[in-house]
All heavy atoms as atom14 arrays in JSON, in Angstrom:
{
  "sequence": "PEGAAQFVASVEDEMRAFSQPYAHVSWLNAT",
  "atom14_mask": [
    [1, 1, 1, 1, 1, 1, 1, 0, 0, 0, 0, 0, 0, 0],
    [1, 1, 1, 1, 1, 1, 1, 1, 1, 0, 0, 0, 0, 0],
    [1, 1, 1, 1, 0, 0, 0, 0, 0, 0, 0, 0, 0, 0],
    [1, 1, 1, 1, 1, 0, 0, 0, 0, 0, 0, 0, 0, 0],
    [1, 1, 1, 1, 1, 0, 0, 0, 0, 0, 0, 0, 0, 0],
    [1, 1, 1, 1, 1, 1, 1, 1, 1, 0, 0, 0, 0, 0],
    [1, 1, 1, 1, 1, 1, 1, 1, 1, 1, 1, 0, 0, 0],
    [1, 1, 1, 1, 1, 1, 1, 0, 0, 0, 0, 0, 0, 0],
    [1, 1, 1, 1, 1, 0, 0, 0, 0, 0, 0, 0, 0, 0],
    [1, 1, 1, 1, 1, 1, 0, 0, 0, 0, 0, 0, 0, 0],
    [1, 1, 1, 1, 1, 1, 1, 0, 0, 0, 0, 0, 0, 0],
    [1, 1, 1, 1, 1, 1, 1, 1, 1, 0, 0, 0, 0, 0],
    [1, 1, 1, 1, 1, 1, 1, 1, 0, 0, 0, 0, 0, 0],
    [1, 1, 1, 1, 1, 1, 1, 1, 1, 0, 0, 0, 0, 0],
    [1, 1, 1, 1, 1, 1, 1, 1, 0, 0, 0, 0, 0, 0],
    [1, 1, 1, 1, 1, 1, 1, 1, 1, 1, 1, 0, 0, 0],
    [1, 1, 1, 1, 1, 0, 0, 0, 0, 0, 0, 0, 0, 0],
    [1, 1, 1, 1, 1, 1, 1, 1, 1, 1, 1, 0, 0, 0],
    [1, 1, 1, 1, 1, 1, 0, 0, 0, 0, 0, 0, 0, 0],
    [1, 1, 1, 1, 1, 1, 1, 1, 1, 0, 0, 0, 0, 0],
    [1, 1, 1, 1, 1, 1, 1, 0, 0, 0, 0, 0, 0, 0],
    [1, 1, 1, 1, 1, 1, 1, 1, 1, 1, 1, 1, 0, 0],
    [1, 1, 1, 1, 1, 0, 0, 0, 0, 0, 0, 0, 0, 0],
    [1, 1, 1, 1, 1, 1, 1, 1, 1, 1, 0, 0, 0, 0],
    [1, 1, 1, 1, 1, 1, 1, 0, 0, 0, 0, 0, 0, 0],
    [1, 1, 1, 1, 1, 1, 0, 0, 0, 0, 0, 0, 0, 0],
    [1, 1, 1, 1, 1, 1, 1, 1, 1, 1, 1, 1, 1, 1],
    [1, 1, 1, 1, 1, 1, 1, 1, 0, 0, 0, 0, 0, 0],
    [1, 1, 1, 1, 1, 1, 1, 1, 0, 0, 0, 0, 0, 0],
    [1, 1, 1, 1, 1, 0, 0, 0, 0, 0, 0, 0, 0, 0],
    [1, 1, 1, 1, 1, 1, 1, 0, 0, 0, 0, 0, 0, 0]
  ],
  "atom14_positions": [
    [[78.21, 193.35, 129.87], [78.23, 192.71, 128.54], [78.06, 191.2, 128.61], [77.36, 190.61, 127.78], [79.6, 193.12, 127.98], [79.9, 194.42, 128.65], [79.35, 194.29, 130.04], [0.0, 0.0, 0.0], [0.0, 0.0, 0.0], [0.0, 0.0, 0.0], [0.0, 0.0, 0.0], [0.0, 0.0, 0.0], [0.0, 0.0, 0.0], [0.0, 0.0, 0.0]],
    [[78.69, 190.58, 129.59], [78.57, 189.13, 129.74], [77.15, 188.74, 130.13], [76.59, 187.76, 129.63], [79.57, 188.61, 130.79], [81.03, 188.78, 130.42], [81.52, 190.22, 130.59], [80.83, 191.04, 131.26], [82.58, 190.55, 130.01], [0.0, 0.0, 0.0], [0.0, 0.0, 0.0], [0.0, 0.0, 0.0], [0.0, 0.0, 0.0], [0.0, 0.0, 0.0]],
    [[76.56, 189.53, 131.05], [75.19, 189.25, 131.45], [74.22, 189.42, 130.3], [73.26, 188.64, 130.16], [0.0, 0.0, 0.0], [0.0, 0.0, 0.0], [0.0, 0.0, 0.0], [0.0, 0.0, 0.0], [0.0, 0.0, 0.0], [0.0, 0.0, 0.0], [0.0, 0.0, 0.0], [0.0, 0.0, 0.0], [0.0, 0.0, 0.0], [0.0, 0.0, 0.0]],
    [[74.46, 190.42, 129.46], [73.59, 190.63, 128.3], [73.67, 189.44, 127.36], [72.64, 188.99, 126.82], [74.0, 191.91, 127.57], [0.0, 0.0, 0.0], [0.0, 0.0, 0.0], [0.0, 0.0, 0.0], [0.0, 0.0, 0.0], [0.0, 0.0, 0.0], [0.0, 0.0, 0.0], [0.0, 0.0, 0.0], [0.0, 0.0, 0.0], [0.0, 0.0, 0.0]],
    [[74.89, 188.92, 127.16], [75.04, 187.75, 126.29], [74.32, 186.55, 126.88], [73.68, 185.76, 126.15], [76.52, 187.44, 126.09], [0.0, 0.0, 0.0], [0.0, 0.0, 0.0], [0.0, 0.0, 0.0], [0.0, 0.0, 0.0], [0.0, 0.0, 0.0], [0.0, 0.0, 0.0], [0.0, 0.0, 0.0], [0.0, 0.0, 0.0], [0.0, 0.0, 0.0]],
    [[74.39, 186.38, 128.2], [73.69, 185.27, 128.85], [72.18, 185.43, 128.7], [71.45, 184.45, 128.47], [74.08, 185.22, 130.33], [75.53, 184.83, 130.57], [75.93, 185.01, 132.03], [75.29, 185.75, 132.78], [77.0, 184.35, 132.43], [0.0, 0.0, 0.0], [0.0, 0.0, 0.0], [0.0, 0.0, 0.0], [0.0, 0.0, 0.0], [0.0, 0.0, 0.0]],
    [[71.71, 186.66, 128.86], [70.28, 186.92, 128.73], [69.8, 186.56, 127.32], [68.79, 185.86, 127.15], [70.0, 188.4, 129.02], [68.65, 188.87, 128.56], [67.5, 188.47, 129.22], [68.52, 189.71, 127.46], [66.24, 188.9, 128.79], [67.27, 190.14, 127.02], [66.13, 189.73, 127.69], [0.0, 0.0, 0.0], [0.0, 0.0, 0.0], [0.0, 0.0, 0.0]],
    [[70.52, 187.01, 126.3], [70.11, 186.74, 124.92], [70.11, 185.24, 124.65], [69.18, 184.71, 124.03], [71.03, 187.49, 123.94], [70.83, 186.96, 122.52], [70.75, 188.99, 123.98], [0.0, 0.0, 0.0], [0.0, 0.0, 0.0], [0.0, 0.0, 0.0], [0.0, 0.0, 0.0], [0.0, 0.0, 0.0], [0.0, 0.0, 0.0], [0.0, 0.0, 0.0]],
    [[71.14, 184.55, 125.12], [71.21, 183.1, 124.9], [70.03, 182.4, 125.56], [69.43, 181.47, 125.0], [72.53, 182.55, 125.43], [0.0, 0.0, 0.0], [0.0, 0.0, 0.0], [0.0, 0.0, 0.0], [0.0, 0.0, 0.0], [0.0, 0.0, 0.0], [0.0, 0.0, 0.0], [0.0, 0.0, 0.0], [0.0, 0.0, 0.0], [0.0, 0.0, 0.0]],
    [[69.69, 182.84, 126.78], [68.57, 182.23, 127.49], [67.25, 182.49, 126.76], [66.4, 181.61, 126.65], [68.5, 182.79, 128.91], [67.43, 182.23, 129.62], [0.0, 0.0, 0.0], [0.0, 0.0, 0.0], [0.0, 0.0, 0.0], [0.0, 0.0, 0.0], [0.0, 0.0, 0.0], [0.0, 0.0, 0.0], [0.0, 0.0, 0.0], [0.0, 0.0, 0.0]],
    [[67.08, 183.7, 126.25], [65.87, 184.05, 125.5], [65.73, 183.17, 124.26], [64.65, 182.62, 123.98], [65.89, 185.54, 125.1], [64.81, 185.83, 124.07], [65.71, 186.42, 126.32], [0.0, 0.0, 0.0], [0.0, 0.0, 0.0], [0.0, 0.0, 0.0], [0.0, 0.0, 0.0], [0.0, 0.0, 0.0], [0.0, 0.0, 0.0], [0.0, 0.0, 0.0]],
    [[66.83, 183.02, 123.52], [66.76, 182.21, 122.31], [66.43, 180.75, 122.62], [65.66, 180.1, 121.9], [68.06, 182.32, 121.51], [68.26, 183.7, 120.91], [69.35, 183.75, 119.86], [70.53, 183.69, 120.25], [69.02, 183.83, 118.66], [0.0, 0.0, 0.0], [0.0, 0.0, 0.0], [0.0, 0.0, 0.0], [0.0, 0.0, 0.0], [0.0, 0.0, 0.0]],
    [[66.99, 180.23, 123.71], [66.65, 178.86, 124.12], [65.17, 178.75, 124.45], [64.5, 177.78, 124.08], [67.49, 178.45, 125.33], [68.95, 178.19, 124.99], [69.26, 178.05, 123.78], [69.78, 178.15, 125.92], [0.0, 0.0, 0.0], [0.0, 0.0, 0.0], [0.0, 0.0, 0.0], [0.0, 0.0, 0.0], [0.0, 0.0, 0.0], [0.0, 0.0, 0.0]],
    [[64.66, 179.74, 125.18], [63.26, 179.72, 125.59], [62.33, 179.8, 124.37], [61.33, 179.08, 124.28], [62.99, 180.91, 126.51], [61.67, 180.85, 127.25], [61.71, 179.93, 128.46], [62.77, 179.83, 129.1], [60.68, 179.3, 128.74], [0.0, 0.0, 0.0], [0.0, 0.0, 0.0], [0.0, 0.0, 0.0], [0.0, 0.0, 0.0], [0.0, 0.0, 0.0]],
    [[62.67, 180.67, 123.46], [61.82, 180.83, 122.29], [61.87, 179.6, 121.38], [60.85, 179.19, 120.83], [62.24, 182.08, 121.51], [61.93, 183.36, 122.25], [62.1, 184.83, 121.2], [63.82, 184.75, 120.79], [0.0, 0.0, 0.0], [0.0, 0.0, 0.0], [0.0, 0.0, 0.0], [0.0, 0.0, 0.0], [0.0, 0.0, 0.0], [0.0, 0.0, 0.0]],
    [[63.05, 179.03, 121.24], [63.16, 177.84, 120.4], [62.31, 176.71, 120.98], [61.61, 176.0, 120.25], [64.62, 177.4, 120.27], [64.82, 176.27, 119.26], [66.29, 175.89, 119.17], [67.1, 176.93, 118.58], [67.24, 177.14, 117.28], [66.59, 176.37, 116.42], [68.01, 178.09, 116.83], [0.0, 0.0, 0.0], [0.0, 0.0, 0.0], [0.0, 0.0, 0.0]],
    [[62.38, 176.54, 122.3], [61.59, 175.48, 122.95], [60.09, 175.73, 122.78], [59.31, 174.79, 122.6], [61.96, 175.39, 124.42], [0.0, 0.0, 0.0], [0.0, 0.0, 0.0], [0.0, 0.0, 0.0], [0.0, 0.0, 0.0], [0.0, 0.0, 0.0], [0.0, 0.0, 0.0], [0.0, 0.0, 0.0], [0.0, 0.0, 0.0], [0.0, 0.0, 0.0]],
    [[59.68, 176.99, 122.84], [58.26, 177.32, 122.72], [57.78, 177.23, 121.27], [56.6, 176.91, 121.01], [58.01, 178.74, 123.26], [56.58, 179.17, 123.22], [55.67, 178.72, 124.18], [56.11, 180.02, 122.23], [54.35, 179.12, 124.15], [54.79, 180.42, 122.18], [53.9, 179.97, 123.15], [0.0, 0.0, 0.0], [0.0, 0.0, 0.0], [0.0, 0.0, 0.0]],
    [[58.66, 177.5, 120.35], [58.22, 177.67, 118.96], [57.65, 176.4, 118.35], [56.68, 176.46, 117.58], [59.38, 178.17, 118.09], [60.37, 177.16, 117.93], [0.0, 0.0, 0.0], [0.0, 0.0, 0.0], [0.0, 0.0, 0.0], [0.0, 0.0, 0.0], [0.0, 0.0, 0.0], [0.0, 0.0, 0.0], [0.0, 0.0, 0.0], [0.0, 0.0, 0.0]],
    [[58.21, 175.25, 118.69], [57.74, 174.03, 118.03], [56.33, 173.62, 118.45], [55.47, 173.39, 117.59], [58.74, 172.89, 118.22], [60.01, 173.11, 117.42], [60.84, 171.85, 117.27], [60.31, 170.75, 117.1], [62.15, 172.0, 117.37], [0.0, 0.0, 0.0], [0.0, 0.0, 0.0], [0.0, 0.0, 0.0], [0.0, 0.0, 0.0], [0.0, 0.0, 0.0]],
    [[56.04, 173.53, 119.75], [54.65, 173.21, 120.09], [53.67, 174.27, 119.61], [52.57, 173.95, 119.16], [54.66, 173.1, 121.61], [55.91, 173.77, 122.07], [56.89, 173.58, 120.96], [0.0, 0.0, 0.0], [0.0, 0.0, 0.0], [0.0, 0.0, 0.0], [0.0, 0.0, 0.0], [0.0, 0.0, 0.0], [0.0, 0.0, 0.0], [0.0, 0.0, 0.0]],
    [[54.07, 175.53, 119.67], [53.2, 176.6, 119.19], [52.95, 176.46, 117.7], [51.83, 176.65, 117.2], [53.83, 177.95, 119.52], [52.97, 179.16, 119.16], [51.59, 179.1, 119.19], [53.57, 180.36, 118.81], [50.81, 180.21, 118.88], [52.8, 181.48, 118.5], [51.43, 181.39, 118.53], [50.65, 182.49, 118.21], [0.0, 0.0, 0.0], [0.0, 0.0, 0.0]],
    [[53.99, 176.1, 116.95], [53.85, 175.93, 115.5], [52.88, 174.8, 115.19], [52.02, 174.92, 114.31], [55.21, 175.65, 114.87], [0.0, 0.0, 0.0], [0.0, 0.0, 0.0], [0.0, 0.0, 0.0], [0.0, 0.0, 0.0], [0.0, 0.0, 0.0], [0.0, 0.0, 0.0], [0.0, 0.0, 0.0], [0.0, 0.0, 0.0], [0.0, 0.0, 0.0]],
    [[53.0, 173.69, 115.9], [52.11, 172.56, 115.65], [50.67, 172.89, 116.04], [49.72, 172.51, 115.33], [52.61, 171.33, 116.4], [53.82, 170.7, 115.78], [53.76, 169.97, 114.62], [55.13, 170.73, 116.15], [54.98, 169.56, 114.3], [55.83, 170.01, 115.22], [0.0, 0.0, 0.0], [0.0, 0.0, 0.0], [0.0, 0.0, 0.0], [0.0, 0.0, 0.0]],
    [[50.49, 173.6, 117.14], [49.14, 174.02, 117.53], [48.56, 174.95, 116.47], [47.38, 174.83, 116.09], [49.18, 174.7, 118.91], [47.88, 175.46, 119.17], [49.4, 173.66, 120.01], [0.0, 0.0, 0.0], [0.0, 0.0, 0.0], [0.0, 0.0, 0.0], [0.0, 0.0, 0.0], [0.0, 0.0, 0.0], [0.0, 0.0, 0.0], [0.0, 0.0, 0.0]],
    [[49.36, 175.87, 115.98], [48.88, 176.82, 114.98], [48.53, 176.11, 113.67], [47.53, 176.44, 113.02], [49.93, 177.9, 114.73], [50.18, 178.62, 115.92], [0.0, 0.0, 0.0], [0.0, 0.0, 0.0], [0.0, 0.0, 0.0], [0.0, 0.0, 0.0], [0.0, 0.0, 0.0], [0.0, 0.0, 0.0], [0.0, 0.0, 0.0], [0.0, 0.0, 0.0]],
    [[49.36, 175.16, 113.28], [49.06, 174.38, 112.07], [47.75, 173.61, 112.25], [46.9, 173.59, 111.36], [50.21, 173.42, 111.76], [49.93, 172.53, 110.59], [49.42, 171.26, 110.62], [50.12, 172.85, 109.21], [49.28, 170.76, 109.35], [49.7, 171.72, 108.47], [50.58, 173.98, 108.53], [49.74, 171.69, 107.06], [50.63, 173.93, 107.14], [50.21, 172.81, 106.43]],
    [[47.62, 172.97, 113.39], [46.39, 172.22, 113.67], [45.17, 173.13, 113.6], [44.15, 172.79, 113.0], [46.48, 171.56, 115.05], [45.24, 170.8, 115.53], [44.98, 169.58, 114.67], [45.41, 170.39, 117.0], [0.0, 0.0, 0.0], [0.0, 0.0, 0.0], [0.0, 0.0, 0.0], [0.0, 0.0, 0.0], [0.0, 0.0, 0.0], [0.0, 0.0, 0.0]],
    [[45.28, 174.32, 114.2], [44.16, 175.24, 114.22], [43.81, 175.74, 112.82], [42.65, 176.02, 112.53], [44.47, 176.41, 115.15], [43.29, 177.33, 115.37], [43.39, 178.53, 115.23], [42.14, 176.77, 115.73], [0.0, 0.0, 0.0], [0.0, 0.0, 0.0], [0.0, 0.0, 0.0], [0.0, 0.0, 0.0], [0.0, 0.0, 0.0], [0.0, 0.0, 0.0]],
    [[44.8, 175.86, 111.96], [44.56, 176.35, 110.6], [44.01, 175.27, 109.68], [43.31, 175.57, 108.71], [45.84, 176.92, 110.01], [0.0, 0.0, 0.0], [0.0, 0.0, 0.0], [0.0, 0.0, 0.0], [0.0, 0.0, 0.0], [0.0, 0.0, 0.0], [0.0, 0.0, 0.0], [0.0, 0.0, 0.0], [0.0, 0.0, 0.0], [0.0, 0.0, 0.0]],
    [[44.31, 174.0, 109.98], [43.93, 172.91, 109.07], [42.86, 171.99, 109.66], [42.44, 171.05, 108.99], [45.16, 172.05, 108.72], [45.71, 171.49, 109.92], [46.22, 172.88, 108.01], [0.0, 0.0, 0.0], [0.0, 0.0, 0.0], [0.0, 0.0, 0.0], [0.0, 0.0, 0.0], [0.0, 0.0, 0.0], [0.0, 0.0, 0.0], [0.0, 0.0, 0.0]]
  ]
}
């Protein structure tokens, strides 16, 4: 259970870090 919580926290950190540059690239590509 503790490892699962660590995994989820790590995933959310990774996705949050990726989301912003990806969002800006996607906005640029659309506009």
